[in-house]
PDB file of N, CA and C in Angstrom:
ATOM      1  N   UNK A   1      -5.748  53.181  63.518  1.00  0.00           N
ATOM      2  CA  UNK A   1      -6.563  52.387  64.439  1.00  0.00           C
ATOM      3  C   UNK A   1      -5.622  51.501  65.252  1.00  0.00           C
ATOM      4  N   UNK A   2      -5.669  51.623  66.520  1.00  0.00           N
ATOM      5  CA  UNK A   2      -4.907  50.743  67.393  1.00  0.00           C
ATOM      6  C   UNK A   2      -5.817  49.602  67.823  1.00  0.00           C
ATOM      7  N   UNK A   3      -5.255  48.433  67.914  1.00  0.00           N
ATOM      8  CA  UNK A   3      -6.039  47.286  68.355  1.00  0.00           C
ATOM      9  C   UNK A   3      -5.611  46.884  69.753  1.00  0.00           C
ATOM     10  N   UNK A   4      -6.528  46.330  70.496  1.00  0.00           N
ATOM     11  CA  UNK A   4      -6.247  45.826  71.836  1.00  0.00           C
ATOM     12  C   UNK A   4      -6.549  44.343  71.873  1.00  0.00           C
ATOM     13  N   UNK A   5      -5.781  43.604  72.639  1.00  0.00           N
ATOM     14  CA  UNK A   5      -6.005  42.177  72.778  1.00  0.00           C
ATOM     15  C   UNK A   5      -7.421  41.919  73.281  1.00  0.00           C
ATOM     16  N   UNK A   6      -8.127  41.012  72.638  1.00  0.00           N
ATOM     17  CA  UNK A   6      -9.485  40.647  73.023  1.00  0.00           C
ATOM     18  C   UNK A   6     -10.563  41.444  72.321  1.00  0.00           C
ATOM     19  N   UNK A   7     -10.179  42.524  71.608  1.00  0.00           N
ATOM     20  CA  UNK A   7     -11.158  43.360  70.927  1.00  0.00           C
ATOM     21  C   UNK A   7     -11.727  42.622  69.707  1.00  0.00           C
ATOM     22  N   UNK A   8     -13.010  42.808  69.449  1.00  0.00           N
ATOM     23  CA  UNK A   8     -13.686  42.156  68.326  1.00  0.00           C
ATOM     24  C   UNK A   8     -13.954  43.163  67.220  1.00  0.00           C
ATOM     25  N   UNK A   9     -13.847  42.690  65.972  1.00  0.00           N
ATOM     26  CA  UNK A   9     -14.145  43.498  64.789  1.00  0.00           C
ATOM     27  C   UNK A   9     -15.047  42.701  63.871  1.00  0.00           C
ATOM     28  N   UNK A  10     -15.911  43.400  63.120  1.00  0.00           N
ATOM     29  CA  UNK A  10     -16.839  42.735  62.215  1.00  0.00           C
ATOM     30  C   UNK A  10     -16.892  43.474  60.883  1.00  0.00           C
ATOM     31  N   UNK A  11     -16.978  42.715  59.800  1.00  0.00           N
ATOM     32  CA  UNK A  11     -17.121  43.280  58.459  1.00  0.00           C
ATOM     33  C   UNK A  11     -18.600  43.574  58.210  1.00  0.00           C
ATOM     34  N   UNK A  12     -18.891  44.814  57.811  1.00  0.00           N
ATOM     35  CA  UNK A  12     -20.274  45.224  57.554  1.00  0.00           C
ATOM     36  C   UNK A  12     -20.819  44.613  56.269  1.00  0.00           C
ATOM     37  N   UNK A  13     -19.952  44.108  55.392  1.00  0.00           N
ATOM     38  CA  UNK A  13     -20.406  43.559  54.112  1.00  0.00           C
ATOM     39  C   UNK A  13     -20.693  42.056  54.202  1.00  0.00           C
ATOM     40  N   UNK A  14     -19.693  41.279  54.626  1.00  0.00           N
ATOM     41  CA  UNK A  14     -19.859  39.817  54.609  1.00  0.00           C
ATOM     42  C   UNK A  14     -20.129  39.217  55.984  1.00  0.00           C
ATOM     43  N   UNK A  15     -19.926  39.986  57.043  1.00  0.00           N
ATOM     44  CA  UNK A  15     -20.201  39.485  58.382  1.00  0.00           C
ATOM     45  C   UNK A  15     -19.045  38.758  59.053  1.00  0.00           C
ATOM     46  N   UNK A  16     -17.873  38.660  58.385  1.00  0.00           N
ATOM     47  CA  UNK A  16     -16.719  38.043  59.033  1.00  0.00           C
ATOM     48  C   UNK A  16     -16.426  38.751  60.340  1.00  0.00           C
ATOM     49  N   UNK A  17     -16.040  37.981  61.359  1.00  0.00           N
ATOM     50  CA  UNK A  17     -15.688  38.540  62.661  1.00  0.00           C
ATOM     51  C   UNK A  17     -14.291  38.066  63.041  1.00  0.00           C
ATOM     52  N   UNK A  18     -13.536  38.950  63.683  1.00  0.00           N
ATOM     53  CA  UNK A  18     -12.211  38.579  64.181  1.00  0.00           C
ATOM     54  C   UNK A  18     -12.074  39.041  65.619  1.00  0.00           C
ATOM     55  N   UNK A  19     -11.243  38.323  66.368  1.00  0.00           N
ATOM     56  CA  UNK A  19     -10.883  38.718  67.731  1.00  0.00           C
ATOM     57  C   UNK A  19      -9.373  38.886  67.726  1.00  0.00           C
ATOM     58  N   UNK A  20      -8.889  40.007  68.220  1.00  0.00           N
ATOM     59  CA  UNK A  20      -7.466  40.304  68.242  1.00  0.00           C
ATOM     60  C   UNK A  20      -6.795  39.454  69.317  1.00  0.00           C
ATOM     61  N   UNK A  21      -5.792  38.669  68.910  1.00  0.00           N
ATOM     62  CA  UNK A  21      -5.063  37.831  69.858  1.00  0.00           C
ATOM     63  C   UNK A  21      -3.692  38.410  70.176  1.00  0.00           C
ATOM     64  N   UNK A  22      -3.221  39.317  69.321  1.00  0.00           N
ATOM     65  CA  UNK A  22      -1.946  39.982  69.539  1.00  0.00           C
ATOM     66  C   UNK A  22      -2.102  41.427  69.101  1.00  0.00           C
ATOM     67  N   UNK A  23      -2.058  42.356  70.042  1.00  0.00           N
ATOM     68  CA  UNK A  23      -2.304  43.766  69.750  1.00  0.00           C
ATOM     69  C   UNK A  23      -1.211  44.339  68.861  1.00  0.00           C
ATOM     70  N   UNK A  24      -1.606  45.276  68.004  1.00  0.00           N
ATOM     71  CA  UNK A  24      -0.656  45.925  67.119  1.00  0.00           C
ATOM     72  C   UNK A  24      -1.273  47.137  66.474  1.00  0.00           C
ATOM     73  N   UNK A  25      -0.555  47.731  65.571  1.00  0.00           N
ATOM     74  CA  UNK A  25      -1.045  48.896  64.849  1.00  0.00           C
ATOM     75  C   UNK A  25      -1.633  48.475  63.521  1.00  0.00           C
ATOM     76  N   UNK A  26      -1.996  49.448  62.731  1.00  0.00           N
ATOM     77  CA  UNK A  26      -2.544  49.157  61.417  1.00  0.00           C
ATOM     78  C   UNK A  26      -4.053  49.143  61.437  1.00  0.00           C
ATOM     79  N   UNK A  27      -4.622  48.727  60.324  1.00  0.00           N
ATOM     80  CA  UNK A  27      -6.068  48.749  60.161  1.00  0.00           C
ATOM     81  C   UNK A  27      -6.551  47.386  59.692  1.00  0.00           C
ATOM     82  N   UNK A  28      -7.590  46.872  60.319  1.00  0.00           N
ATOM     83  CA  UNK A  28      -8.178  45.612  59.888  1.00  0.00           C
ATOM     84  C   UNK A  28      -9.146  45.901  58.752  1.00  0.00           C
ATOM     85  N   UNK A  29      -8.955  45.222  57.600  1.00  0.00           N
ATOM     86  CA  UNK A  29      -9.752  45.473  56.409  1.00  0.00           C
ATOM     87  C   UNK A  29     -10.325  44.164  55.894  1.00  0.00           C
ATOM     88  N   UNK A  30     -11.581  44.203  55.466  1.00  0.00           N
ATOM     89  CA  UNK A  30     -12.243  43.045  54.859  1.00  0.00           C
ATOM     90  C   UNK A  30     -13.151  43.584  53.759  1.00  0.00           C
ATOM     91  N   UNK A  31     -13.249  42.890  52.656  1.00  0.00           N
ATOM     92  CA  UNK A  31     -14.089  43.303  51.522  1.00  0.00           C
ATOM     93  C   UNK A  31     -13.765  44.732  51.075  1.00  0.00           C
ATOM     94  N   UNK A  32     -12.496  45.152  51.233  1.00  0.00           N
ATOM     95  CA  UNK A  32     -12.053  46.454  50.798  1.00  0.00           C
ATOM     96  C   UNK A  32     -12.430  47.614  51.699  1.00  0.00           C
ATOM     97  N   UNK A  33     -13.010  47.331  52.870  1.00  0.00           N
ATOM     98  CA  UNK A  33     -13.412  48.389  53.799  1.00  0.00           C
ATOM     99  C   UNK A  33     -12.870  48.094  55.189  1.00  0.00           C
ATOM    100  N   UNK A  34     -12.598  49.164  55.972  1.00  0.00           N
ATOM    101  CA  UNK A  34     -12.156  48.944  57.360  1.00  0.00           C
ATOM    102  C   UNK A  34     -13.224  48.199  58.163  1.00  0.00           C
ATOM    103  N   UNK A  35     -12.781  47.309  59.015  1.00  0.00           N
ATOM    104  CA  UNK A  35     -13.708  46.577  59.882  1.00  0.00           C
ATOM    105  C   UNK A  35     -14.078  47.443  61.075  1.00  0.00           C
ATOM    106  N   UNK A  36     -15.275  47.272  61.600  1.00  0.00           N
ATOM    107  CA  UNK A  36     -15.771  48.069  62.725  1.00  0.00           C
ATOM    108  C   UNK A  36     -15.568  47.317  64.040  1.00  0.00           C
ATOM    109  N   UNK A  37     -15.081  48.032  65.058  1.00  0.00           N
ATOM    110  CA  UNK A  37     -14.943  47.446  66.388  1.00  0.00           C
ATOM    111  C   UNK A  37     -16.338  47.214  66.953  1.00  0.00           C
ATOM    112  N   UNK A  38     -16.563  46.010  67.498  1.00  0.00           N
ATOM    113  CA  UNK A  38     -17.891  45.673  68.021  1.00  0.00           C
ATOM    114  C   UNK A  38     -17.898  45.411  69.514  1.00  0.00           C
ATOM    115  N   UNK A  39     -16.743  45.393  70.147  1.00  0.00           N
ATOM    116  CA  UNK A  39     -16.696  45.156  71.588  1.00  0.00           C
ATOM    117  C   UNK A  39     -15.540  44.263  71.961  1.00  0.00           C
ATOM    118  N   UNK A  40     -15.666  43.646  73.098  1.00  0.00           N
ATOM    119  CA  UNK A  40     -14.610  42.778  73.605  1.00  0.00           C
ATOM    120  C   UNK A  40     -14.951  41.318  73.366  1.00  0.00           C
ATOM    121  N   UNK A  41     -13.944  40.539  73.049  1.00  0.00           N
ATOM    122  CA  UNK A  41     -14.108  39.102  72.846  1.00  0.00           C
ATOM    123  C   UNK A  41     -13.585  38.351  74.043  1.00  0.00           C
ATOM    124  N   UNK A  42     -12.965  37.222  73.804  1.00  0.00           N
ATOM    125  CA  UNK A  42     -12.425  36.424  74.895  1.00  0.00           C
ATOM    126  C   UNK A  42     -11.051  36.941  75.288  1.00  0.00           C
ATOM    127  N   UNK A  43     -10.603  36.572  76.451  1.00  0.00           N
ATOM    128  CA  UNK A  43      -9.264  36.936  76.922  1.00  0.00           C
ATOM    129  C   UNK A  43      -8.300  35.841  76.543  1.00  0.00           C
ATOM    130  N   UNK A  44      -7.216  36.232  75.910  1.00  0.00           N
ATOM    131  CA  UNK A  44      -6.199  35.265  75.471  1.00  0.00           C
ATOM    132  C   UNK A  44      -5.196  35.051  76.594  1.00  0.00           C
ATOM    133  N   UNK A  45      -4.884  33.814  76.855  1.00  0.00           N
ATOM    134  CA  UNK A  45      -3.867  33.542  77.880  1.00  0.00           C
ATOM    135  C   UNK A  45      -2.670  32.926  77.191  1.00  0.00           C
ATOM    136  N   UNK A  46      -1.582  33.673  77.148  1.00  0.00           N
ATOM    137  CA  UNK A  46      -0.349  33.194  76.500  1.00  0.00           C
ATOM    138  C   UNK A  46       0.701  32.918  77.539  1.00  0.00           C
TER     139      UNK A  46
END
């Protein structure tokens, strides 16, 4: 799973949500399961 800056992910079990602030590789995991991409979040300005 590739992540993109600003992309949002949500845990289907506990409801935790994250917004990617620095794109990278790997897999986002919460409660032992991969998190699902839910759309775009805010735009980070660095």
